[in-house]
């Protein structure tokens, strides 16, 4: 599953923290926030085409319904000469490609034109890091159960990882991030930790747990890292929270991510 659902939840929670530029630090304003163009683009190397959602953010006083934007001109190109215009699907604001597919090592450019203004993002699809296994274990503190993705980080290359976790088919809203700053070339020993925002996400024996592992580029990692900081309180602790760093040009929210994608599923044993 892509990150669209998660971003809409995250953006709704943090839209009041955002002002005129995704690259600037701004003063928190609790008044009405003007709608912002939101672009969510994903391209995996799983043989499926690029999908892009274009909408507008809403004020924190409104319901969590993101008005879709139809009629955008969305193009995707790669550094091998591939180029296509994504067609709007039967779902308003959703655009999907056909011919330009994800391939490790390729550099992709997504261009979205809305009302005569163009917004551009670039993402390089990383090499695949094999997702060898998944195991459940008790947390180091407390009696919570966590899952640990098993993989070996390739040595000598900066790697960035994004994980999504499903309990009995239900997506956990948390976006788990890791990098190899201190674990370059080593087997992973970090579980998907932290306290869940909802009790229904807590794991118990007998649960079916599916984890999706994405290898993302540095800009995508930085976007979700700074967004998580805001939502976890790191950005809201001061009067000048740092905005999530979008990889799009222009005054927009969102991201474009070209990434690898692997999945593993286990049944949680009695621990």
C-alpha atoms as a PDB file:
ATOM      1  CA  UNK A   1       0.000   0.000   0.000  1.00  0.00           C
ATOM      2  CA  UNK A   2       1.184   3.490  -0.759  1.00  0.00           C
ATOM      3  CA  UNK A   3       1.619   6.359   1.686  1.00  0.00           C
ATOM      4  CA  UNK A   4      -1.390   8.394   0.475  1.00  0.00           C
ATOM      5  CA  UNK A   5      -3.685   7.515   3.389  1.00  0.00           C
ATOM      6  CA  UNK A   6      -1.042   8.236   5.966  1.00  0.00           C
ATOM      7  CA  UNK A   7      -0.094  11.604   4.492  1.00  0.00           C
ATOM      8  CA  UNK A   8      -3.709  12.791   4.548  1.00  0.00           C
ATOM      9  CA  UNK A   9      -3.958  11.962   8.230  1.00  0.00           C
ATOM     10  CA  UNK A  10      -0.606  13.583   8.948  1.00  0.00           C
ATOM     11  CA  UNK A  11      -1.321  16.703   6.908  1.00  0.00           C
ATOM     12  CA  UNK A  12      -4.683  17.216   8.597  1.00  0.00           C
ATOM     13  CA  UNK A  13      -2.977  17.091  11.976  1.00  0.00           C
ATOM     14  CA  UNK A  14      -0.173  19.492  11.142  1.00  0.00           C
ATOM     15  CA  UNK A  15      -1.685  21.910   8.630  1.00  0.00           C
ATOM     16  CA  UNK A  16      -1.985  24.632  11.271  1.00  0.00           C
ATOM     17  CA  UNK A  17       1.795  24.464  11.697  1.00  0.00           C
ATOM     18  CA  UNK A  18       2.443  25.355   8.082  1.00  0.00           C
ATOM     19  CA  UNK A  19       2.789  28.764   6.447  1.00  0.00           C
ATOM     20  CA  UNK A  20       4.160  30.174   3.232  1.00  0.00           C
ATOM     21  CA  UNK A  21       7.151  27.960   2.441  1.00  0.00           C
ATOM     22  CA  UNK A  22       8.012  24.313   2.926  1.00  0.00           C
ATOM     23  CA  UNK A  23      11.653  25.255   3.376  1.00  0.00           C
ATOM     24  CA  UNK A  24      11.263  28.036   5.975  1.00  0.00           C
ATOM     25  CA  UNK A  25      10.696  28.223   9.713  1.00  0.00           C
ATOM     26  CA  UNK A  26       7.483  30.072  10.521  1.00  0.00           C
ATOM     27  CA  UNK A  27       5.530  31.364  13.506  1.00  0.00           C
ATOM     28  CA  UNK A  28       2.647  29.186  14.682  1.00  0.00           C
ATOM     29  CA  UNK A  29      -0.685  30.880  13.880  1.00  0.00           C
ATOM     30  CA  UNK A  30      -3.846  29.385  15.361  1.00  0.00           C
ATOM     31  CA  UNK A  31      -6.117  31.351  13.016  1.00  0.00           C
ATOM     32  CA  UNK A  32      -7.627  29.951   9.850  1.00  0.00           C
ATOM     33  CA  UNK A  33      -4.984  28.514   7.552  1.00  0.00           C
ATOM     34  CA  UNK A  34      -5.388  29.122   3.825  1.00  0.00           C
ATOM     35  CA  UNK A  35      -5.790  25.933   1.756  1.00  0.00           C
ATOM     36  CA  UNK A  36      -2.535  24.626   0.307  1.00  0.00           C
ATOM     37  CA  UNK A  37      -2.011  22.534  -2.779  1.00  0.00           C
ATOM     38  CA  UNK A  38      -1.102  18.986  -1.737  1.00  0.00           C
ATOM     39  CA  UNK A  39       0.643  16.516  -4.046  1.00  0.00           C
ATOM     40  CA  UNK A  40       1.287  12.889  -3.115  1.00  0.00           C
ATOM     41  CA  UNK A  41       3.248  10.885  -5.687  1.00  0.00           C
ATOM     42  CA  UNK A  42       4.463   7.299  -5.404  1.00  0.00           C
ATOM     43  CA  UNK A  43       6.374   5.070  -7.808  1.00  0.00           C
ATOM     44  CA  UNK A  44       7.620   1.626  -6.744  1.00  0.00           C
ATOM     45  CA  UNK A  45       9.684  -0.925  -8.669  1.00  0.00           C
ATOM     46  CA  UNK A  46       6.872  -3.485  -8.413  1.00  0.00           C
ATOM     47  CA  UNK A  47       5.735  -3.289 -12.034  1.00  0.00           C
ATOM     48  CA  UNK A  48       2.862  -0.939 -11.273  1.00  0.00           C
ATOM     49  CA  UNK A  49       2.690   2.607 -12.662  1.00  0.00           C
ATOM     50  CA  UNK A  50       3.069   5.879 -10.821  1.00  0.00           C
ATOM     51  CA  UNK A  51       0.061   7.146  -8.874  1.00  0.00           C
ATOM     52  CA  UNK A  52      -0.404  10.793  -7.930  1.00  0.00           C
ATOM     53  CA  UNK A  53      -3.088  12.424  -5.768  1.00  0.00           C
ATOM     54  CA  UNK A  54      -3.658  16.162  -6.134  1.00  0.00           C
ATOM     55  CA  UNK A  55      -5.849  17.979  -3.621  1.00  0.00           C
ATOM     56  CA  UNK A  56      -6.005  20.978  -1.319  1.00  0.00           C
ATOM     57  CA  UNK A  57      -5.382  20.977   2.401  1.00  0.00           C
ATOM     58  CA  UNK A  58      -8.115  22.131   4.766  1.00  0.00           C
ATOM     59  CA  UNK A  59      -8.102  24.365   7.810  1.00  0.00           C
ATOM     60  CA  UNK A  60      -7.827  22.686  11.188  1.00  0.00           C
ATOM     61  CA  UNK A  61     -11.401  23.855  11.927  1.00  0.00           C
ATOM     62  CA  UNK A  62     -12.797  21.913   8.972  1.00  0.00           C
ATOM     63  CA  UNK A  63     -13.526  18.227   8.575  1.00  0.00           C
ATOM     64  CA  UNK A  64     -10.751  15.952   7.317  1.00  0.00           C
ATOM     65  CA  UNK A  65     -11.983  16.024   3.703  1.00  0.00           C
ATOM     66  CA  UNK A  66      -9.372  17.040   1.158  1.00  0.00           C
ATOM     67  CA  UNK A  67     -10.974  18.645  -1.922  1.00  0.00           C
ATOM     68  CA  UNK A  68      -9.678  16.834  -4.998  1.00  0.00           C
ATOM     69  CA  UNK A  69      -8.242  18.807  -7.900  1.00  0.00           C
ATOM     70  CA  UNK A  70      -9.293  17.646 -11.336  1.00  0.00           C
ATOM     71  CA  UNK A  71      -7.824  18.824 -14.605  1.00  0.00           C
ATOM     72  CA  UNK A  72      -4.192  18.959 -13.497  1.00  0.00           C
ATOM     73  CA  UNK A  73      -1.532  18.197 -16.101  1.00  0.00           C
ATOM     74  CA  UNK A  74       0.747  15.541 -14.594  1.00  0.00           C
ATOM     75  CA  UNK A  75       3.833  14.252 -16.407  1.00  0.00           C
ATOM     76  CA  UNK A  76       6.489  11.746 -15.370  1.00  0.00           C
ATOM     77  CA  UNK A  77       9.892  11.353 -17.009  1.00  0.00           C
ATOM     78  CA  UNK A  78      13.059   9.390 -16.284  1.00  0.00           C
ATOM     79  CA  UNK A  79      16.734   9.788 -17.096  1.00  0.00           C
ATOM     80  CA  UNK A  80      16.526   7.078 -19.770  1.00  0.00           C
ATOM     81  CA  UNK A  81      14.268   9.150 -22.016  1.00  0.00           C
ATOM     82  CA  UNK A  82      10.928   7.854 -20.810  1.00  0.00           C
ATOM     83  CA  UNK A  83       8.082  10.358 -20.729  1.00  0.00           C
ATOM     84  CA  UNK A  84       4.337  10.084 -20.217  1.00  0.00           C
ATOM     85  CA  UNK A  85       1.322  12.139 -19.214  1.00  0.00           C
ATOM     86  CA  UNK A  86      -0.626  10.575 -16.370  1.00  0.00           C
ATOM     87  CA  UNK A  87      -4.367  10.223 -16.966  1.00  0.00           C
ATOM     88  CA  UNK A  88      -6.949  11.175 -14.361  1.00  0.00           C
ATOM     89  CA  UNK A  89      -8.799   8.076 -13.177  1.00  0.00           C
ATOM     90  CA  UNK A  90     -12.479   7.734 -12.309  1.00  0.00           C
ATOM     91  CA  UNK A  91     -11.503   8.977  -8.851  1.00  0.00           C
ATOM     92  CA  UNK A  92     -11.294  12.799  -8.995  1.00  0.00           C
ATOM     93  CA  UNK A  93      -7.820  14.115  -8.257  1.00  0.00           C
ATOM     94  CA  UNK A  94      -6.123  10.748  -8.807  1.00  0.00           C
ATOM     95  CA  UNK A  95      -3.733  10.425 -11.736  1.00  0.00           C
ATOM     96  CA  UNK A  96      -2.101   7.216 -12.950  1.00  0.00           C
ATOM     97  CA  UNK A  97       0.602   6.397 -15.446  1.00  0.00           C
ATOM     98  CA  UNK A  98       0.979   3.422 -17.784  1.00  0.00           C
ATOM     99  CA  UNK A  99       4.376   3.151 -19.424  1.00  0.00           C
ATOM    100  CA  UNK A 100       7.072   4.651 -17.175  1.00  0.00           C
ATOM    101  CA  UNK A 101       7.771   2.055 -14.484  1.00  0.00           C
ATOM    102  CA  UNK A 102      10.042   2.077 -11.459  1.00  0.00           C
ATOM    103  CA  UNK A 103      13.578   0.746 -11.819  1.00  0.00           C
ATOM    104  CA  UNK A 104      16.412   0.921  -9.284  1.00  0.00           C
ATOM    105  CA  UNK A 105      19.037   3.521 -10.112  1.00  0.00           C
ATOM    106  CA  UNK A 106      16.739   5.592 -12.325  1.00  0.00           C
ATOM    107  CA  UNK A 107      16.089   9.273 -11.637  1.00  0.00           C
ATOM    108  CA  UNK A 108      12.469  10.355 -12.049  1.00  0.00           C
ATOM    109  CA  UNK A 109      10.973  13.812 -12.461  1.00  0.00           C
ATOM    110  CA  UNK A 110       7.329  14.451 -11.628  1.00  0.00           C
ATOM    111  CA  UNK A 111       5.778  17.684 -12.923  1.00  0.00           C
ATOM    112  CA  UNK A 112       2.305  18.797 -11.840  1.00  0.00           C
ATOM    113  CA  UNK A 113       0.663  21.836 -13.412  1.00  0.00           C
ATOM    114  CA  UNK A 114      -2.376  23.354 -11.687  1.00  0.00           C
ATOM    115  CA  UNK A 115      -4.026  26.587 -12.831  1.00  0.00           C
ATOM    116  CA  UNK A 116      -1.011  27.525 -14.940  1.00  0.00           C
ATOM    117  CA  UNK A 117       1.541  26.996 -12.148  1.00  0.00           C
ATOM    118  CA  UNK A 118       4.024  24.108 -12.383  1.00  0.00           C
ATOM    119  CA  UNK A 119       5.460  22.178  -9.434  1.00  0.00           C
ATOM    120  CA  UNK A 120       8.377  19.803  -9.928  1.00  0.00           C
ATOM    121  CA  UNK A 121       9.949  17.081  -7.780  1.00  0.00           C
ATOM    122  CA  UNK A 122      12.820  14.691  -8.469  1.00  0.00           C
ATOM    123  CA  UNK A 123      13.388  11.293  -6.851  1.00  0.00           C
ATOM    124  CA  UNK A 124      15.990   8.596  -7.479  1.00  0.00           C
ATOM    125  CA  UNK A 125      14.838   5.021  -6.935  1.00  0.00           C
ATOM    126  CA  UNK A 126      17.342   3.264  -4.608  1.00  0.00           C
ATOM    127  CA  UNK A 127      18.793  -0.217  -4.977  1.00  0.00           C
ATOM    128  CA  UNK A 128      16.809  -3.083  -3.476  1.00  0.00           C
ATOM    129  CA  UNK A 129      17.791  -4.195   0.028  1.00  0.00           C
ATOM    130  CA  UNK A 130      16.378  -7.720   0.489  1.00  0.00           C
ATOM    131  CA  UNK A 131      13.769  -8.044   3.244  1.00  0.00           C
ATOM    132  CA  UNK A 132      14.970 -11.341   4.691  1.00  0.00           C
ATOM    133  CA  UNK A 133      12.474 -11.898   7.477  1.00  0.00           C
ATOM    134  CA  UNK A 134      10.307 -10.577  10.275  1.00  0.00           C
ATOM    135  CA  UNK A 135      10.153 -11.590  13.913  1.00  0.00           C
ATOM    136  CA  UNK A 136       8.188 -10.593  17.003  1.00  0.00           C
ATOM    137  CA  UNK A 137       9.793  -9.783  20.327  1.00  0.00           C
ATOM    138  CA  UNK A 138       9.058  -8.109  23.657  1.00  0.00           C
ATOM    139  CA  UNK A 139       9.988  -4.427  23.904  1.00  0.00           C
ATOM    140  CA  UNK A 140      13.051  -3.630  25.986  1.00  0.00           C
ATOM    141  CA  UNK A 141      10.846  -1.633  28.370  1.00  0.00           C
ATOM    142  CA  UNK A 142       7.354  -2.736  29.351  1.00  0.00           C
ATOM    143  CA  UNK A 143       5.412  -5.714  28.069  1.00  0.00           C
ATOM    144  CA  UNK A 144       4.531  -4.473  24.594  1.00  0.00           C
ATOM    145  CA  UNK A 145       5.202  -6.667  21.565  1.00  0.00           C
ATOM    146  CA  UNK A 146       7.174  -5.236  18.662  1.00  0.00           C
ATOM    147  CA  UNK A 147       8.256  -6.642  15.320  1.00  0.00           C
ATOM    148  CA  UNK A 148      11.804  -6.491  14.008  1.00  0.00           C
ATOM    149  CA  UNK A 149      12.457  -6.399  10.247  1.00  0.00           C
ATOM    150  CA  UNK A 150      15.418  -8.615   9.350  1.00  0.00           C
ATOM    151  CA  UNK A 151      17.740  -7.301   6.646  1.00  0.00           C
ATOM    152  CA  UNK A 152      21.414  -6.581   6.099  1.00  0.00           C
ATOM    153  CA  UNK A 153      22.278  -2.980   5.364  1.00  0.00           C
ATOM    154  CA  UNK A 154      24.627  -2.680   2.344  1.00  0.00           C
ATOM    155  CA  UNK A 155      28.020  -1.284   3.356  1.00  0.00           C
ATOM    156  CA  UNK A 156      29.386   1.970   1.961  1.00  0.00           C
ATOM    157  CA  UNK A 157      26.047   3.342   0.730  1.00  0.00           C
ATOM    158  CA  UNK A 158      23.699   5.641   2.586  1.00  0.00           C
ATOM    159  CA  UNK A 159      20.344   3.915   2.970  1.00  0.00           C
ATOM    160  CA  UNK A 160      16.997   5.222   4.179  1.00  0.00           C
ATOM    161  CA  UNK A 161      14.098   2.988   5.170  1.00  0.00           C
ATOM    162  CA  UNK A 162      10.382   3.576   5.638  1.00  0.00           C
ATOM    163  CA  UNK A 163       8.122   0.917   7.181  1.00  0.00           C
ATOM    164  CA  UNK A 164       4.340   0.512   7.342  1.00  0.00           C
ATOM    165  CA  UNK A 165       2.778  -1.996   9.717  1.00  0.00           C
ATOM    166  CA  UNK A 166      -0.609  -3.734   9.498  1.00  0.00           C
ATOM    167  CA  UNK A 167      -2.271  -5.601  12.358  1.00  0.00           C
ATOM    168  CA  UNK A 168      -4.869  -8.099  11.102  1.00  0.00           C
ATOM    169  CA  UNK A 169      -5.163  -6.070   7.902  1.00  0.00           C
ATOM    170  CA  UNK A 170      -5.546  -2.698   9.649  1.00  0.00           C
ATOM    171  CA  UNK A 171      -2.934  -0.058   8.837  1.00  0.00           C
ATOM    172  CA  UNK A 172      -1.085   1.466  11.783  1.00  0.00           C
ATOM    173  CA  UNK A 173      -0.991   5.235  11.211  1.00  0.00           C
ATOM    174  CA  UNK A 174       2.611   5.439  12.415  1.00  0.00           C
ATOM    175  CA  UNK A 175       5.279   5.819   9.737  1.00  0.00           C
ATOM    176  CA  UNK A 176       8.448   4.119  10.989  1.00  0.00           C
ATOM    177  CA  UNK A 177      11.757   5.485   9.720  1.00  0.00           C
ATOM    178  CA  UNK A 178      15.329   4.214   9.949  1.00  0.00           C
ATOM    179  CA  UNK A 179      18.669   5.107   8.401  1.00  0.00           C
ATOM    180  CA  UNK A 180      22.117   3.521   8.504  1.00  0.00           C
ATOM    181  CA  UNK A 181      24.072   6.430   9.961  1.00  0.00           C
ATOM    182  CA  UNK A 182      25.336   4.197  12.788  1.00  0.00           C
ATOM    183  CA  UNK A 183      24.582   0.767  11.303  1.00  0.00           C
ATOM    184  CA  UNK A 184      26.246   0.888   7.888  1.00  0.00           C
ATOM    185  CA  UNK A 185      26.920  -2.625   6.620  1.00  0.00           C
ATOM    186  CA  UNK A 186      25.358  -4.314   9.662  1.00  0.00           C
ATOM    187  CA  UNK A 187      22.320  -6.558  10.208  1.00  0.00           C
ATOM    188  CA  UNK A 188      19.314  -4.609  11.438  1.00  0.00           C
ATOM    189  CA  UNK A 189      18.654  -4.900  15.180  1.00  0.00           C
ATOM    190  CA  UNK A 190      16.050  -2.127  15.530  1.00  0.00           C
ATOM    191  CA  UNK A 191      12.423  -3.047  16.064  1.00  0.00           C
ATOM    192  CA  UNK A 192       9.526  -0.900  14.915  1.00  0.00           C
ATOM    193  CA  UNK A 193       9.208   0.803  18.276  1.00  0.00           C
ATOM    194  CA  UNK A 194       7.457   3.648  19.991  1.00  0.00           C
ATOM    195  CA  UNK A 195       4.080   3.691  21.660  1.00  0.00           C
ATOM    196  CA  UNK A 196       1.140   3.318  19.291  1.00  0.00           C
ATOM    197  CA  UNK A 197      -1.204   6.277  18.954  1.00  0.00           C
ATOM    198  CA  UNK A 198      -4.197   3.948  19.187  1.00  0.00           C
ATOM    199  CA  UNK A 199      -4.615   0.970  21.495  1.00  0.00           C
ATOM    200  CA  UNK A 200      -6.133  -1.064  18.680  1.00  0.00           C
ATOM    201  CA  UNK A 201      -2.656  -1.159  17.078  1.00  0.00           C
ATOM    202  CA  UNK A 202      -1.060  -2.927  20.081  1.00  0.00           C
ATOM    203  CA  UNK A 203       0.073  -6.429  19.135  1.00  0.00           C
ATOM    204  CA  UNK A 204      -0.981  -9.588  20.978  1.00  0.00           C
ATOM    205  CA  UNK A 205      -0.292 -13.289  20.456  1.00  0.00           C
ATOM    206  CA  UNK A 206      -2.189 -14.687  17.481  1.00  0.00           C
ATOM    207  CA  UNK A 207      -2.220 -11.435  15.493  1.00  0.00           C
ATOM    208  CA  UNK A 208      -1.312 -11.456  11.818  1.00  0.00           C
ATOM    209  CA  UNK A 209       1.259  -8.720  11.224  1.00  0.00           C
ATOM    210  CA  UNK A 210       2.301  -7.518   7.782  1.00  0.00           C
ATOM    211  CA  UNK A 211       5.173  -5.094   7.359  1.00  0.00           C
ATOM    212  CA  UNK A 212       5.972  -3.192   4.179  1.00  0.00           C
ATOM    213  CA  UNK A 213       9.586  -2.108   3.807  1.00  0.00           C
ATOM    214  CA  UNK A 214      10.464   0.727   1.454  1.00  0.00           C
ATOM    215  CA  UNK A 215      13.947   1.894   0.505  1.00  0.00           C
ATOM    216  CA  UNK A 216      13.491   5.616  -0.098  1.00  0.00           C
ATOM    217  CA  UNK A 217      15.822   8.406  -1.157  1.00  0.00           C
ATOM    218  CA  UNK A 218      17.207  11.058   1.186  1.00  0.00           C
ATOM    219  CA  UNK A 219      14.643  13.737   0.321  1.00  0.00           C
ATOM    220  CA  UNK A 220      11.667  11.448   0.929  1.00  0.00           C
ATOM    221  CA  UNK A 221      13.168  10.333   4.240  1.00  0.00           C
ATOM    222  CA  UNK A 222      13.708  13.946   5.297  1.00  0.00           C
ATOM    223  CA  UNK A 223      10.134  14.881   4.448  1.00  0.00           C
ATOM    224  CA  UNK A 224       8.622  12.162   6.632  1.00  0.00           C
ATOM    225  CA  UNK A 225      11.221  12.669   9.366  1.00  0.00           C
ATOM    226  CA  UNK A 226      10.376  16.354   9.756  1.00  0.00           C
ATOM    227  CA  UNK A 227       6.652  15.656   9.472  1.00  0.00           C
ATOM    228  CA  UNK A 228       6.897  13.047  12.247  1.00  0.00           C
ATOM    229  CA  UNK A 229       8.785  15.527  14.422  1.00  0.00           C
ATOM    230  CA  UNK A 230       5.940  18.016  14.165  1.00  0.00           C
ATOM    231  CA  UNK A 231       3.279  15.437  14.970  1.00  0.00           C
ATOM    232  CA  UNK A 232       5.228  13.959  17.879  1.00  0.00           C
ATOM    233  CA  UNK A 233       5.655  17.373  19.450  1.00  0.00           C
ATOM    234  CA  UNK A 234       9.215  18.112  18.400  1.00  0.00           C
ATOM    235  CA  UNK A 235       8.041  20.812  16.015  1.00  0.00           C
ATOM    236  CA  UNK A 236       5.201  22.173  18.112  1.00  0.00           C
ATOM    237  CA  UNK A 237       7.247  22.590  21.276  1.00  0.00           C
ATOM    238  CA  UNK A 238       8.350  26.065  20.226  1.00  0.00           C
ATOM    239  CA  UNK A 239       6.619  29.050  18.700  1.00  0.00           C
ATOM    240  CA  UNK A 240       8.498  28.490  15.433  1.00  0.00           C
ATOM    241  CA  UNK A 241       8.067  24.859  14.355  1.00  0.00           C
ATOM    242  CA  UNK A 242      10.047  23.691  11.327  1.00  0.00           C
ATOM    243  CA  UNK A 243       7.878  22.762   8.353  1.00  0.00           C
ATOM    244  CA  UNK A 244       8.165  19.355   6.695  1.00  0.00           C
ATOM    245  CA  UNK A 245      10.650  19.640   3.839  1.00  0.00           C
ATOM    246  CA  UNK A 246       8.846  18.837   0.610  1.00  0.00           C
ATOM    247  CA  UNK A 247      10.908  17.853  -2.432  1.00  0.00           C
ATOM    248  CA  UNK A 248       8.520  19.800  -4.675  1.00  0.00           C
ATOM    249  CA  UNK A 249       9.303  23.288  -5.902  1.00  0.00           C
ATOM    250  CA  UNK A 250       6.778  25.971  -5.079  1.00  0.00           C
ATOM    251  CA  UNK A 251       4.427  26.601  -2.197  1.00  0.00           C
ATOM    252  CA  UNK A 252       2.951  23.107  -1.859  1.00  0.00           C
ATOM    253  CA  UNK A 253       2.651  20.312   0.670  1.00  0.00           C
ATOM    254  CA  UNK A 254       3.515  16.711  -0.079  1.00  0.00           C
ATOM    255  CA  UNK A 255       6.195  14.581  -1.652  1.00  0.00           C
ATOM    256  CA  UNK A 256       7.186  12.439  -4.614  1.00  0.00           C
ATOM    257  CA  UNK A 257       8.774   9.115  -3.698  1.00  0.00           C
ATOM    258  CA  UNK A 258      10.400   6.611  -6.055  1.00  0.00           C
ATOM    259  CA  UNK A 259      11.135   3.602  -3.868  1.00  0.00           C
ATOM    260  CA  UNK A 260      11.579  -0.135  -3.591  1.00  0.00           C
ATOM    261  CA  UNK A 261       8.900  -2.131  -1.827  1.00  0.00           C
ATOM    262  CA  UNK A 262       8.959  -5.535  -0.116  1.00  0.00           C
ATOM    263  CA  UNK A 263       6.526  -7.217   2.306  1.00  0.00           C
ATOM    264  CA  UNK A 264       6.674  -9.857   5.019  1.00  0.00           C
ATOM    265  CA  UNK A 265       3.899 -11.359   7.172  1.00  0.00           C
ATOM    266  CA  UNK A 266       4.055 -13.331  10.435  1.00  0.00           C
ATOM    267  CA  UNK A 267       1.710 -14.622  13.143  1.00  0.00           C
ATOM    268  CA  UNK A 268       2.673 -13.252  16.566  1.00  0.00           C
ATOM    269  CA  UNK A 269       3.642 -16.175  18.833  1.00  0.00           C
ATOM    270  CA  UNK A 270       3.108 -16.366  22.581  1.00  0.00           C
ATOM    271  CA  UNK A 271       6.079 -14.517  24.120  1.00  0.00           C
END
